Amino acid sequence: MKDFPDNMNAEEARAFRDAVLSIVSQIPRGRVMNYGLIATLAGWPSHARMVGHTLRYTPGAERLPCHRVVNVVGRTAPGWSWQRSLLEDEGVTFCANGRVDMRRHLWEPAMEE
């Protein structure tokens, strides 16, 4: 598998990776972002899945607050059983359906400038 999708060259893929890691590193405690928003802020709005791949396969990304990244409706990552606990420890609340309360906890940095 290539490290980047067909419509990204190697330089763009590196810039995307760096932007994703920078954005994720800035997510405040008690807030979350979704993959699509991160991709948009990184300049590639249709590359939400690449955000997940970047976080999963980039060495050192595990030191970032990756647990603060959820899908667009607030679902946590499948197979990561302690993600919810990490978020709850930061004060993130969940709705009855098990999803993050996105209205309350979504961090949109472009909106706060």
PDB file of N, CA and C in Angstrom:
ATOM      1  N   MET A   1       0.832  -1.182   0.000  1.00  0.00           N
ATOM      2  CA  MET A   1       0.000   0.000   0.000  1.00  0.00           C
ATOM      3  C   MET A   1       0.874   1.241   0.000  1.00  0.00           C
ATOM      4  N   LYS A   2       0.511   2.197  -0.821  1.00  0.00           N
ATOM      5  CA  LYS A   2       1.234   3.459  -0.861  1.00  0.00           C
ATOM      6  C   LYS A   2       0.923   4.268   0.392  1.00  0.00           C
ATOM      7  N   ASP A   3       1.809   5.200   0.697  1.00  0.00           N
ATOM      8  CA  ASP A   3       1.603   6.042   1.867  1.00  0.00           C
ATOM      9  C   ASP A   3       0.632   7.182   1.608  1.00  0.00           C
ATOM     10  N   PHE A   4       0.238   7.375   0.367  1.00  0.00           N
ATOM     11  CA  PHE A   4      -0.648   8.485   0.035  1.00  0.00           C
ATOM     12  C   PHE A   4      -1.554   8.081  -1.118  1.00  0.00           C
ATOM     13  N   PRO A   5      -2.739   8.694  -1.192  1.00  0.00           N
ATOM     14  CA  PRO A   5      -3.682   8.341  -2.265  1.00  0.00           C
ATOM     15  C   PRO A   5      -3.194   8.823  -3.627  1.00  0.00           C
ATOM     16  N   ASP A   6      -3.779   8.282  -4.666  1.00  0.00           N
ATOM     17  CA  ASP A   6      -3.358   8.579  -6.030  1.00  0.00           C
ATOM     18  C   ASP A   6      -3.401  10.063  -6.388  1.00  0.00           C
ATOM     19  N   ASN A   7      -4.322  10.817  -5.809  1.00  0.00           N
ATOM     20  CA  ASN A   7      -4.421  12.218  -6.198  1.00  0.00           C
ATOM     21  C   ASN A   7      -3.562  13.143  -5.344  1.00  0.00           C
ATOM     22  N   MET A   8      -2.690  12.598  -4.512  1.00  0.00           N
ATOM     23  CA  MET A   8      -1.737  13.374  -3.715  1.00  0.00           C
ATOM     24  C   MET A   8      -0.343  12.942  -4.116  1.00  0.00           C
ATOM     25  N   ASN A   9       0.526  13.893  -4.372  1.00  0.00           N
ATOM     26  CA  ASN A   9       1.909  13.495  -4.609  1.00  0.00           C
ATOM     27  C   ASN A   9       2.612  13.385  -3.255  1.00  0.00           C
ATOM     28  N   ALA A  10       3.852  12.935  -3.256  1.00  0.00           N
ATOM     29  CA  ALA A  10       4.570  12.686  -1.996  1.00  0.00           C
ATOM     30  C   ALA A  10       4.714  13.955  -1.167  1.00  0.00           C
ATOM     31  N   GLU A  11       4.984  15.068  -1.795  1.00  0.00           N
ATOM     32  CA  GLU A  11       5.131  16.326  -1.060  1.00  0.00           C
ATOM     33  C   GLU A  11       3.805  16.757  -0.423  1.00  0.00           C
ATOM     34  N   GLU A  12       2.714  16.616  -1.174  1.00  0.00           N
ATOM     35  CA  GLU A  12       1.391  16.950  -0.629  1.00  0.00           C
ATOM     36  C   GLU A  12       1.024  16.015   0.518  1.00  0.00           C
ATOM     37  N   ALA A  13       1.389  14.748   0.388  1.00  0.00           N
ATOM     38  CA  ALA A  13       1.098  13.782   1.448  1.00  0.00           C
ATOM     39  C   ALA A  13       1.859  14.135   2.725  1.00  0.00           C
ATOM     40  N   ARG A  14       3.107  14.550   2.591  1.00  0.00           N
ATOM     41  CA  ARG A  14       3.880  14.967   3.768  1.00  0.00           C
ATOM     42  C   ARG A  14       3.266  16.211   4.408  1.00  0.00           C
ATOM     43  N   ALA A  15       2.873  17.169   3.583  1.00  0.00           N
ATOM     44  CA  ALA A  15       2.254  18.394   4.103  1.00  0.00           C
ATOM     45  C   ALA A  15       0.927  18.067   4.793  1.00  0.00           C
ATOM     46  N   PHE A  16       0.151  17.162   4.204  1.00  0.00           N
ATOM     47  CA  PHE A  16      -1.116  16.736   4.807  1.00  0.00           C
ATOM     48  C   PHE A  16      -0.852  16.087   6.163  1.00  0.00           C
ATOM     49  N   ARG A  17       0.094  15.158   6.199  1.00  0.00           N
ATOM     50  CA  ARG A  17       0.442  14.485   7.458  1.00  0.00           C
ATOM     51  C   ARG A  17       0.831  15.504   8.532  1.00  0.00           C
ATOM     52  N   ASP A  18       1.709  16.432   8.168  1.00  0.00           N
ATOM     53  CA  ASP A  18       2.166  17.435   9.131  1.00  0.00           C
ATOM     54  C   ASP A  18       1.013  18.300   9.622  1.00  0.00           C
ATOM     55  N   ALA A  19       0.109  18.675   8.716  1.00  0.00           N
ATOM     56  CA  ALA A  19      -1.040  19.490   9.101  1.00  0.00           C
ATOM     57  C   ALA A  19      -1.964  18.717  10.035  1.00  0.00           C
ATOM     58  N   VAL A  20      -2.227  17.463   9.718  1.00  0.00           N
ATOM     59  CA  VAL A  20      -3.097  16.629  10.558  1.00  0.00           C
ATOM     60  C   VAL A  20      -2.513  16.516  11.963  1.00  0.00           C
ATOM     61  N   LEU A  21      -1.241  16.206  12.052  1.00  0.00           N
ATOM     62  CA  LEU A  21      -0.611  16.046  13.361  1.00  0.00           C
ATOM     63  C   LEU A  21      -0.627  17.352  14.145  1.00  0.00           C
ATOM     64  N   SER A  22      -0.423  18.463  13.466  1.00  0.00           N
ATOM     65  CA  SER A  22      -0.452  19.766  14.122  1.00  0.00           C
ATOM     66  C   SER A  22      -1.851  20.080  14.649  1.00  0.00           C
ATOM     67  N   ILE A  23      -2.855  19.844  13.832  1.00  0.00           N
ATOM     68  CA  ILE A  23      -4.244  20.117  14.234  1.00  0.00           C
ATOM     69  C   ILE A  23      -4.631  19.259  15.437  1.00  0.00           C
ATOM     70  N   VAL A  24      -4.342  17.972  15.359  1.00  0.00           N
ATOM     71  CA  VAL A  24      -4.709  17.061  16.451  1.00  0.00           C
ATOM     72  C   VAL A  24      -3.995  17.447  17.742  1.00  0.00           C
ATOM     73  N   SER A  25      -2.747  17.884  17.628  1.00  0.00           N
ATOM     74  CA  SER A  25      -1.995  18.259  18.829  1.00  0.00           C
ATOM     75  C   SER A  25      -2.611  19.455  19.551  1.00  0.00           C
ATOM     76  N   GLN A  26      -3.430  20.227  18.864  1.00  0.00           N
ATOM     77  CA  GLN A  26      -4.022  21.435  19.431  1.00  0.00           C
ATOM     78  C   GLN A  26      -5.432  21.253  19.999  1.00  0.00           C
ATOM     79  N   ILE A  27      -6.022  20.076  19.812  1.00  0.00           N
ATOM     80  CA  ILE A  27      -7.388  19.865  20.310  1.00  0.00           C
ATOM     81  C   ILE A  27      -7.369  19.974  21.834  1.00  0.00           C
ATOM     82  N   PRO A  28      -8.130  20.911  22.384  1.00  0.00           N
ATOM     83  CA  PRO A  28      -8.106  21.097  23.836  1.00  0.00           C
ATOM     84  C   PRO A  28      -8.745  19.940  24.603  1.00  0.00           C
ATOM     85  N   ARG A  29      -8.308  19.795  25.798  1.00  0.00           N
ATOM     86  CA  ARG A  29      -8.877  18.818  26.730  1.00  0.00           C
ATOM     87  C   ARG A  29     -10.387  19.076  26.842  1.00  0.00           C
ATOM     88  N   GLY A  30     -11.176  17.992  26.806  1.00  0.00           N
ATOM     89  CA  GLY A  30     -12.622  18.113  26.930  1.00  0.00           C
ATOM     90  C   GLY A  30     -13.334  18.474  25.642  1.00  0.00           C
ATOM     91  N   ARG A  31     -12.606  18.528  24.541  1.00  0.00           N
ATOM     92  CA  ARG A  31     -13.189  18.844  23.232  1.00  0.00           C
ATOM     93  C   ARG A  31     -12.817  17.729  22.255  1.00  0.00           C
ATOM     94  N   VAL A  32     -13.545  17.636  21.165  1.00  0.00           N
ATOM     95  CA  VAL A  32     -13.266  16.647  20.125  1.00  0.00           C
ATOM     96  C   VAL A  32     -13.346  17.304  18.750  1.00  0.00           C
ATOM     97  N   MET A  33     -12.757  16.645  17.795  1.00  0.00           N
ATOM     98  CA  MET A  33     -12.897  17.029  16.383  1.00  0.00           C
ATOM     99  C   MET A  33     -13.241  15.767  15.618  1.00  0.00           C
ATOM    100  N   ASN A  34     -13.789  15.946  14.421  1.00  0.00           N
ATOM    101  CA  ASN A  34     -14.057  14.780  13.584  1.00  0.00           C
ATOM    102  C   ASN A  34     -13.062  14.731  12.434  1.00  0.00           C
ATOM    103  N   TYR A  35     -12.945  13.559  11.852  1.00  0.00           N
ATOM    104  CA  TYR A  35     -11.974  13.322  10.787  1.00  0.00           C
ATOM    105  C   TYR A  35     -12.159  14.278   9.610  1.00  0.00           C
ATOM    106  N   GLY A  36     -13.397  14.513   9.227  1.00  0.00           N
ATOM    107  CA  GLY A  36     -13.679  15.384   8.087  1.00  0.00           C
ATOM    108  C   GLY A  36     -13.269  16.821   8.329  1.00  0.00           C
ATOM    109  N   LEU A  37     -13.507  17.316   9.522  1.00  0.00           N
ATOM    110  CA  LEU A  37     -13.121  18.684   9.852  1.00  0.00           C
ATOM    111  C   LEU A  37     -11.606  18.822   9.836  1.00  0.00           C
ATOM    112  N   ILE A  38     -10.921  17.836  10.364  1.00  0.00           N
ATOM    113  CA  ILE A  38      -9.452  17.866  10.343  1.00  0.00           C
ATOM    114  C   ILE A  38      -8.953  17.856   8.905  1.00  0.00           C
ATOM    115  N   ALA A  39      -9.530  17.004   8.065  1.00  0.00           N
ATOM    116  CA  ALA A  39      -9.121  16.948   6.654  1.00  0.00           C
ATOM    117  C   ALA A  39      -9.359  18.286   5.966  1.00  0.00           C
ATOM    118  N   THR A  40     -10.484  18.913   6.255  1.00  0.00           N
ATOM    119  CA  THR A  40     -10.795  20.212   5.663  1.00  0.00           C
ATOM    120  C   THR A  40      -9.785  21.258   6.099  1.00  0.00           C
ATOM    121  N   LEU A  41      -9.494  21.300   7.384  1.00  0.00           N
ATOM    122  CA  LEU A  41      -8.518  22.272   7.881  1.00  0.00           C
ATOM    123  C   LEU A  41      -7.116  22.011   7.326  1.00  0.00           C
ATOM    124  N   ALA A  42      -6.840  20.746   7.000  1.00  0.00           N
ATOM    125  CA  ALA A  42      -5.546  20.386   6.413  1.00  0.00           C
ATOM    126  C   ALA A  42      -5.496  20.679   4.918  1.00  0.00           C
ATOM    127  N   GLY A  43      -6.622  21.119   4.353  1.00  0.00           N
ATOM    128  CA  GLY A  43      -6.646  21.491   2.941  1.00  0.00           C
ATOM    129  C   GLY A  43      -7.122  20.425   1.984  1.00  0.00           C
ATOM    130  N   TRP A  44      -7.580  19.288   2.500  1.00  0.00           N
ATOM    131  CA  TRP A  44      -8.052  18.188   1.662  1.00  0.00           C
ATOM    132  C   TRP A  44      -9.404  17.708   2.191  1.00  0.00           C
ATOM    133  N   PRO A  45     -10.467  18.469   1.944  1.00  0.00           N
ATOM    134  CA  PRO A  45     -11.761  18.173   2.560  1.00  0.00           C
ATOM    135  C   PRO A  45     -12.356  16.801   2.264  1.00  0.00           C
ATOM    136  N   SER A  46     -11.963  16.162   1.205  1.00  0.00           N
ATOM    137  CA  SER A  46     -12.545  14.851   0.887  1.00  0.00           C
ATOM    138  C   SER A  46     -11.666  13.695   1.379  1.00  0.00           C
ATOM    139  N   HIS A  47     -10.760  13.972   2.290  1.00  0.00           N
ATOM    140  CA  HIS A  47      -9.803  12.953   2.724  1.00  0.00           C
ATOM    141  C   HIS A  47      -9.928  12.596   4.214  1.00  0.00           C
ATOM    142  N   ALA A  48     -11.143  12.496   4.708  1.00  0.00           N
ATOM    143  CA  ALA A  48     -11.361  12.164   6.115  1.00  0.00           C
ATOM    144  C   ALA A  48     -10.719  10.823   6.487  1.00  0.00           C
ATOM    145  N   ARG A  49     -10.827   9.850   5.613  1.00  0.00           N
ATOM    146  CA  ARG A  49     -10.240   8.535   5.919  1.00  0.00           C
ATOM    147  C   ARG A  49      -8.725   8.604   6.027  1.00  0.00           C
ATOM    148  N   MET A  50      -8.125   9.493   5.253  1.00  0.00           N
ATOM    149  CA  MET A  50      -6.666   9.653   5.325  1.00  0.00           C
ATOM    150  C   MET A  50      -6.242  10.200   6.683  1.00  0.00           C
ATOM    151  N   VAL A  51      -7.102  10.953   7.334  1.00  0.00           N
ATOM    152  CA  VAL A  51      -6.788  11.440   8.681  1.00  0.00           C
ATOM    153  C   VAL A  51      -6.620  10.242   9.611  1.00  0.00           C
ATOM    154  N   GLY A  52      -7.566   9.322   9.548  1.00  0.00           N
ATOM    155  CA  GLY A  52      -7.483   8.114  10.371  1.00  0.00           C
ATOM    156  C   GLY A  52      -6.233   7.304  10.067  1.00  0.00           C
ATOM    157  N   HIS A  53      -5.917   7.137   8.805  1.00  0.00           N
ATOM    158  CA  HIS A  53      -4.715   6.392   8.419  1.00  0.00           C
ATOM    159  C   HIS A  53      -3.462   7.105   8.917  1.00  0.00           C
ATOM    160  N   THR A  54      -3.468   8.414   8.806  1.00  0.00           N
ATOM    161  CA  THR A  54      -2.317   9.190   9.265  1.00  0.00           C
ATOM    162  C   THR A  54      -2.101   8.983  10.760  1.00  0.00           C
ATOM    163  N   LEU A  55      -3.166   9.064  11.524  1.00  0.00           N
ATOM    164  CA  LEU A  55      -3.044   8.903  12.972  1.00  0.00           C
ATOM    165  C   LEU A  55      -2.654   7.484  13.363  1.00  0.00           C
ATOM    166  N   ARG A  56      -3.110   6.530  12.584  1.00  0.00           N
ATOM    167  CA  ARG A  56      -2.809   5.137  12.913  1.00  0.00           C
ATOM    168  C   ARG A  56      -1.398   4.719  12.523  1.00  0.00           C
ATOM    169  N   TYR A  57      -0.903   5.222  11.399  1.00  0.00           N
ATOM    170  CA  TYR A  57       0.348   4.700  10.857  1.00  0.00           C
ATOM    171  C   TYR A  57       1.548   5.643  10.966  1.00  0.00           C
ATOM    172  N   THR A  58       1.396   6.813  11.532  1.00  0.00           N
ATOM    173  CA  THR A  58       2.531   7.718  11.663  1.00  0.00           C
ATOM    174  C   THR A  58       3.225   7.454  12.995  1.00  0.00           C
ATOM    175  N   PRO A  59       4.501   7.088  12.944  1.00  0.00           N
ATOM    176  CA  PRO A  59       5.223   6.875  14.205  1.00  0.00           C
ATOM    177  C   PRO A  59       5.203   8.148  15.053  1.00  0.00           C
ATOM    178  N   GLY A  60       4.924   7.977  16.324  1.00  0.00           N
ATOM    179  CA  GLY A  60       4.876   9.107  17.243  1.00  0.00           C
ATOM    180  C   GLY A  60       3.492   9.685  17.430  1.00  0.00           C
ATOM    181  N   ALA A  61       2.559   9.368  16.553  1.00  0.00           N
ATOM    182  CA  ALA A  61       1.204   9.919  16.662  1.00  0.00           C
ATOM    183  C   ALA A  61       0.518   9.469  17.948  1.00  0.00           C
ATOM    184  N   GLU A  62       0.959   8.345  18.500  1.00  0.00           N
ATOM    185  CA  GLU A  62       0.339   7.859  19.740  1.00  0.00           C
ATOM    186  C   GLU A  62       0.590   8.797  20.921  1.00  0.00           C
ATOM    187  N   ARG A  63       1.528   9.715  20.783  1.00  0.00           N
ATOM    188  CA  ARG A  63       1.778  10.696  21.845  1.00  0.00           C
ATOM    189  C   ARG A  63       0.845  11.902  21.739  1.00  0.00           C
ATOM    190  N   LEU A  64       0.068  11.959  20.678  1.00  0.00           N
ATOM    191  CA  LEU A  64      -0.890  13.048  20.482  1.00  0.00           C
ATOM    192  C   LEU A  64      -2.234  12.674  21.117  1.00  0.00           C
ATOM    193  N   PRO A  65      -3.103  13.649  21.329  1.00  0.00           N
ATOM    194  CA  PRO A  65      -4.424  13.327  21.896  1.00  0.00           C
ATOM    195  C   PRO A  65      -5.374  12.776  20.833  1.00  0.00           C
ATOM    196  N   CYS A  66      -4.980  11.674  20.212  1.00  0.00           N
ATOM    197  CA  CYS A  66      -5.779  11.057  19.149  1.00  0.00           C
ATOM    198  C   CYS A  66      -7.142  10.601  19.652  1.00  0.00           C
ATOM    199  N   HIS A  67      -7.264  10.370  20.945  1.00  0.00           N
ATOM    200  CA  HIS A  67      -8.555   9.942  21.503  1.00  0.00           C
ATOM    201  C   HIS A  67      -9.596  11.039  21.355  1.00  0.00           C
ATOM    202  N   ARG A  68      -9.177  12.259  21.049  1.00  0.00           N
ATOM    203  CA  ARG A  68     -10.103  13.381  20.878  1.00  0.00           C
ATOM    204  C   ARG A  68     -10.637  13.479  19.450  1.00  0.00           C
ATOM    205  N   VAL A  69     -10.348  12.494  18.627  1.00  0.00           N
ATOM    206  CA  VAL A  69     -10.842  12.476  17.243  1.00  0.00           C
ATOM    207  C   VAL A  69     -11.897  11.382  17.135  1.00  0.00           C
ATOM    208  N   VAL A  70     -13.081  11.781  16.695  1.00  0.00           N
ATOM    209  CA  VAL A  70     -14.214  10.857  16.538  1.00  0.00           C
ATOM    210  C   VAL A  70     -14.804  11.051  15.142  1.00  0.00           C
ATOM    211  N   ASN A  71     -15.773  10.231  14.791  1.00  0.00           N
ATOM    212  CA  ASN A  71     -16.375  10.435  13.473  1.00  0.00           C
ATOM    213  C   ASN A  71     -17.391  11.579  13.526  1.00  0.00           C
ATOM    214  N   VAL A  72     -17.964  11.892  12.396  1.00  0.00           N
ATOM    215  CA  VAL A  72     -18.810  13.084  12.263  1.00  0.00           C
ATOM    216  C   VAL A  72     -20.038  13.075  13.179  1.00  0.00           C
ATOM    217  N   VAL A  73     -20.520  11.916  13.544  1.00  0.00           N
ATOM    218  CA  VAL A  73     -21.683  11.845  14.430  1.00  0.00           C
ATOM    219  C   VAL A  73     -21.293  11.555  15.881  1.00  0.00           C
ATOM    220  N   GLY A  74     -19.997  11.531  16.161  1.00  0.00           N
ATOM    221  CA  GLY A  74     -19.536  11.366  17.529  1.00  0.00           C
ATOM    222  C   GLY A  74     -19.235   9.948  17.965  1.00  0.00           C
ATOM    223  N   ARG A  75     -19.185   9.027  17.006  1.00  0.00           N
ATOM    224  CA  ARG A  75     -18.833   7.652  17.364  1.00  0.00           C
ATOM    225  C   ARG A  75     -17.326   7.537  17.578  1.00  0.00           C
ATOM    226  N   THR A  76     -16.961   6.752  18.566  1.00  0.00           N
ATOM    227  CA  THR A  76     -15.552   6.505  18.826  1.00  0.00           C
ATOM    228  C   THR A  76     -15.036   5.444  17.846  1.00  0.00           C
ATOM    229  N   ALA A  77     -13.725   5.285  17.817  1.00  0.00           N
ATOM    230  CA  ALA A  77     -13.105   4.350  16.877  1.00  0.00           C
ATOM    231  C   ALA A  77     -13.444   2.911  17.249  1.00  0.00           C
ATOM    232  N   PRO A  78     -13.833   2.107  16.268  1.00  0.00           N
ATOM    233  CA  PRO A  78     -14.115   0.698  16.560  1.00  0.00           C
ATOM    234  C   PRO A  78     -12.829  -0.008  16.992  1.00  0.00           C
ATOM    235  N   GLY A  79     -12.958  -0.852  17.970  1.00  0.00           N
ATOM    236  CA  GLY A  79     -11.792  -1.604  18.431  1.00  0.00           C
ATOM    237  C   GLY A  79     -10.913  -0.859  19.427  1.00  0.00           C
ATOM    238  N   TRP A  80     -11.284   0.369  19.773  1.00  0.00           N
ATOM    239  CA  TRP A  80     -10.503   1.132  20.748  1.00  0.00           C
ATOM    240  C   TRP A  80     -11.388   1.309  21.980  1.00  0.00           C
ATOM    241  N   SER A  81     -11.441   0.277  22.787  1.00  0.00           N
ATOM    242  CA  SER A  81     -12.400   0.215  23.885  1.00  0.00           C
ATOM    243  C   SER A  81     -12.190   1.287  24.950  1.00  0.00           C
ATOM    244  N   TRP A  82     -11.003   1.771  25.138  1.00  0.00           N
ATOM    245  CA  TRP A  82     -10.764   2.754  26.195  1.00  0.00           C
ATOM    246  C   TRP A  82     -10.824   4.202  25.720  1.00  0.00           C
ATOM    247  N   GLN A  83     -11.129   4.452  24.442  1.00  0.00           N
ATOM    248  CA  GLN A  83     -11.256   5.823  23.954  1.00  0.00           C
ATOM    249  C   GLN A  83     -12.345   6.575  24.716  1.00  0.00           C
ATOM    250  N   ARG A  84     -13.468   5.931  24.929  1.00  0.00           N
ATOM    251  CA  ARG A  84     -14.563   6.580  25.657  1.00  0.00           C
ATOM    252  C   ARG A  84     -14.121   6.951  27.073  1.00  0.00           C
ATOM    253  N   SER A  85     -13.441   6.060  27.753  1.00  0.00           N
ATOM    254  CA  SER A  85     -12.967   6.346  29.113  1.00  0.00           C
ATOM    255  C   SER A  85     -12.017   7.529  29.135  1.00  0.00           C
ATOM    256  N   LEU A  86     -11.114   7.597  28.156  1.00  0.00           N
ATOM    257  CA  LEU A  86     -10.187   8.724  28.080  1.00  0.00           C
ATOM    258  C   LEU A  86     -10.941  10.040  27.907  1.00  0.00           C
ATOM    259  N   LEU A  87     -11.959  10.024  27.065  1.00  0.00           N
ATOM    260  CA  LEU A  87     -12.757  11.232  26.847  1.00  0.00           C
ATOM    261  C   LEU A  87     -13.566  11.587  28.095  1.00  0.00           C
ATOM    262  N   GLU A  88     -14.174  10.607  28.706  1.00  0.00           N
ATOM    263  CA  GLU A  88     -14.958  10.867  29.921  1.00  0.00           C
ATOM    264  C   GLU A  88     -14.078  11.425  31.033  1.00  0.00           C
ATOM    265  N   ASP A  89     -12.837  10.951  31.118  1.00  0.00           N
ATOM    266  CA  ASP A  89     -11.904  11.472  32.125  1.00  0.00           C
ATOM    267  C   ASP A  89     -11.624  12.961  31.916  1.00  0.00           C
ATOM    268  N   GLU A  90     -11.835  13.451  30.698  1.00  0.00           N
ATOM    269  CA  GLU A  90     -11.631  14.870  30.377  1.00  0.00           C
ATOM    270  C   GLU A  90     -12.919  15.674  30.462  1.00  0.00           C
ATOM    271  N   GLY A  91     -14.010  15.025  30.836  1.00  0.00           N
ATOM    272  CA  GLY A  91     -15.279  15.727  30.962  1.00  0.00           C
ATOM    273  C   GLY A  91     -16.161  15.694  29.737  1.00  0.00           C
ATOM    274  N   VAL A  92     -15.780  14.927  28.728  1.00  0.00           N
ATOM    275  CA  VAL A  92     -16.619  14.793  27.535  1.00  0.00           C
ATOM    276  C   VAL A  92     -17.823  13.937  27.896  1.00  0.00           C
ATOM    277  N   THR A  93     -19.005  14.412  27.513  1.00  0.00           N
ATOM    278  CA  THR A  93     -20.230  13.679  27.812  1.00  0.00           C
ATOM    279  C   THR A  93     -20.736  12.949  26.573  1.00  0.00           C
ATOM    280  N   PHE A  94     -21.479  11.902  26.822  1.00  0.00           N
ATOM    281  CA  PHE A  94     -22.013  11.066  25.762  1.00  0.00           C
ATOM    282  C   PHE A  94     -23.532  11.091  25.824  1.00  0.00           C
ATOM    283  N   CYS A  95     -24.143  10.994  24.679  1.00  0.00           N
ATOM    284  CA  CYS A  95     -25.606  10.923  24.578  1.00  0.00           C
ATOM    285  C   CYS A  95     -26.058   9.496  24.895  1.00  0.00           C
ATOM    286  N   ALA A  96     -27.359   9.322  25.034  1.00  0.00           N
ATOM    287  CA  ALA A  96     -27.921   8.005  25.342  1.00  0.00           C
ATOM    288  C   ALA A  96     -27.570   6.960  24.283  1.00  0.00           C
ATOM    289  N   ASN A  97     -27.332   7.408  23.042  1.00  0.00           N
ATOM    290  CA  ASN A  97     -27.004   6.469  21.962  1.00  0.00           C
ATOM    291  C   ASN A  97     -25.531   6.072  21.957  1.00  0.00           C
ATOM    292  N   GLY A  98     -24.744   6.545  22.932  1.00  0.00           N
ATOM    293  CA  GLY A  98     -23.338   6.168  23.039  1.00  0.00           C
ATOM    294  C   GLY A  98     -22.385   7.045  22.265  1.00  0.00           C
ATOM    295  N   ARG A  99     -22.902   8.078  21.637  1.00  0.00           N
ATOM    296  CA  ARG A  99     -22.055   8.988  20.858  1.00  0.00           C
ATOM    297  C   ARG A  99     -21.702  10.221  21.681  1.00  0.00           C
ATOM    298  N   VAL A 100     -20.563  10.824  21.339  1.00  0.00           N
ATOM    299  CA  VAL A 100     -20.156  12.066  21.984  1.00  0.00           C
ATOM    300  C   VAL A 100     -21.220  13.128  21.729  1.00  0.00           C
ATOM    301  N   ASP A 101     -21.496  13.937  22.710  1.00  0.00           N
ATOM    302  CA  ASP A 101     -22.404  15.074  22.557  1.00  0.00           C
ATOM    303  C   ASP A 101     -21.657  16.132  21.737  1.00  0.00           C
ATOM    304  N   MET A 102     -21.794  16.046  20.421  1.00  0.00           N
ATOM    305  CA  MET A 102     -21.035  16.904  19.512  1.00  0.00           C
ATOM    306  C   MET A 102     -21.426  18.375  19.632  1.00  0.00           C
ATOM    307  N   ARG A 103     -22.677  18.653  19.950  1.00  0.00           N
ATOM    308  CA  ARG A 103     -23.097  20.054  20.112  1.00  0.00           C
ATOM    309  C   ARG A 103     -22.331  20.722  21.244  1.00  0.00           C
ATOM    310  N   ARG A 104     -22.016  19.953  22.224  1.00  0.00           N
ATOM    311  CA  ARG A 104     -21.351  20.497  23.410  1.00  0.00           C
ATOM    312  C   ARG A 104     -19.824  20.460  23.321  1.00  0.00           C
ATOM    313  N   HIS A 105     -19.281  19.441  22.645  1.00  0.00           N
ATOM    314  CA  HIS A 105     -17.836  19.207  22.725  1.00  0.00           C
ATOM    315  C   HIS A 105     -17.051  19.388  21.428  1.00  0.00           C
ATOM    316  N   LEU A 106     -17.725  19.629  20.306  1.00  0.00           N
ATOM    317  CA  LEU A 106     -17.004  19.799  19.044  1.00  0.00           C
ATOM    318  C   LEU A 106     -16.152  21.060  19.091  1.00  0.00           C
ATOM    319  N   TRP A 107     -14.882  20.913  18.758  1.00  0.00           N
ATOM    320  CA  TRP A 107     -13.961  22.048  18.700  1.00  0.00           C
ATOM    321  C   TRP A 107     -13.779  22.443  17.236  1.00  0.00           C
ATOM    322  N   GLU A 108     -14.131  23.662  16.923  1.00  0.00           N
ATOM    323  CA  GLU A 108     -13.977  24.190  15.570  1.00  0.00           C
ATOM    324  C   GLU A 108     -13.062  25.414  15.646  1.00  0.00           C
ATOM    325  N   PRO A 109     -11.771  25.223  15.545  1.00  0.00           N
ATOM    326  CA  PRO A 109     -10.824  26.318  15.740  1.00  0.00           C
ATOM    327  C   PRO A 109     -11.033  27.499  14.801  1.00  0.00           C
ATOM    328  N   ALA A 110     -11.472  27.253  13.586  1.00  0.00           N
ATOM    329  CA  ALA A 110     -11.684  28.345  12.627  1.00  0.00           C
ATOM    330  C   ALA A 110     -12.802  29.257  13.120  1.00  0.00           C
ATOM    331  N   MET A 111     -13.726  28.717  13.883  1.00  0.00           N
ATOM    332  CA  MET A 111     -14.849  29.491  14.391  1.00  0.00           C
ATOM    333  C   MET A 111     -14.462  30.345  15.593  1.00  0.00           C
ATOM    334  N   GLU A 112     -13.360  29.975  16.260  1.00  0.00           N
ATOM    335  CA  GLU A 112     -12.962  30.662  17.490  1.00  0.00           C
ATOM    336  C   GLU A 112     -11.977  31.785  17.244  1.00  0.00           C
ATOM    337  N   GLU A 113     -11.531  31.975  16.022  1.00  0.00           N
ATOM    338  CA  GLU A 113     -10.531  33.004  15.731  1.00  0.00           C
ATOM    339  C   GLU A 113     -11.122  34.384  15.811  1.00  0.00           C
TER     340      GLU A 113
END
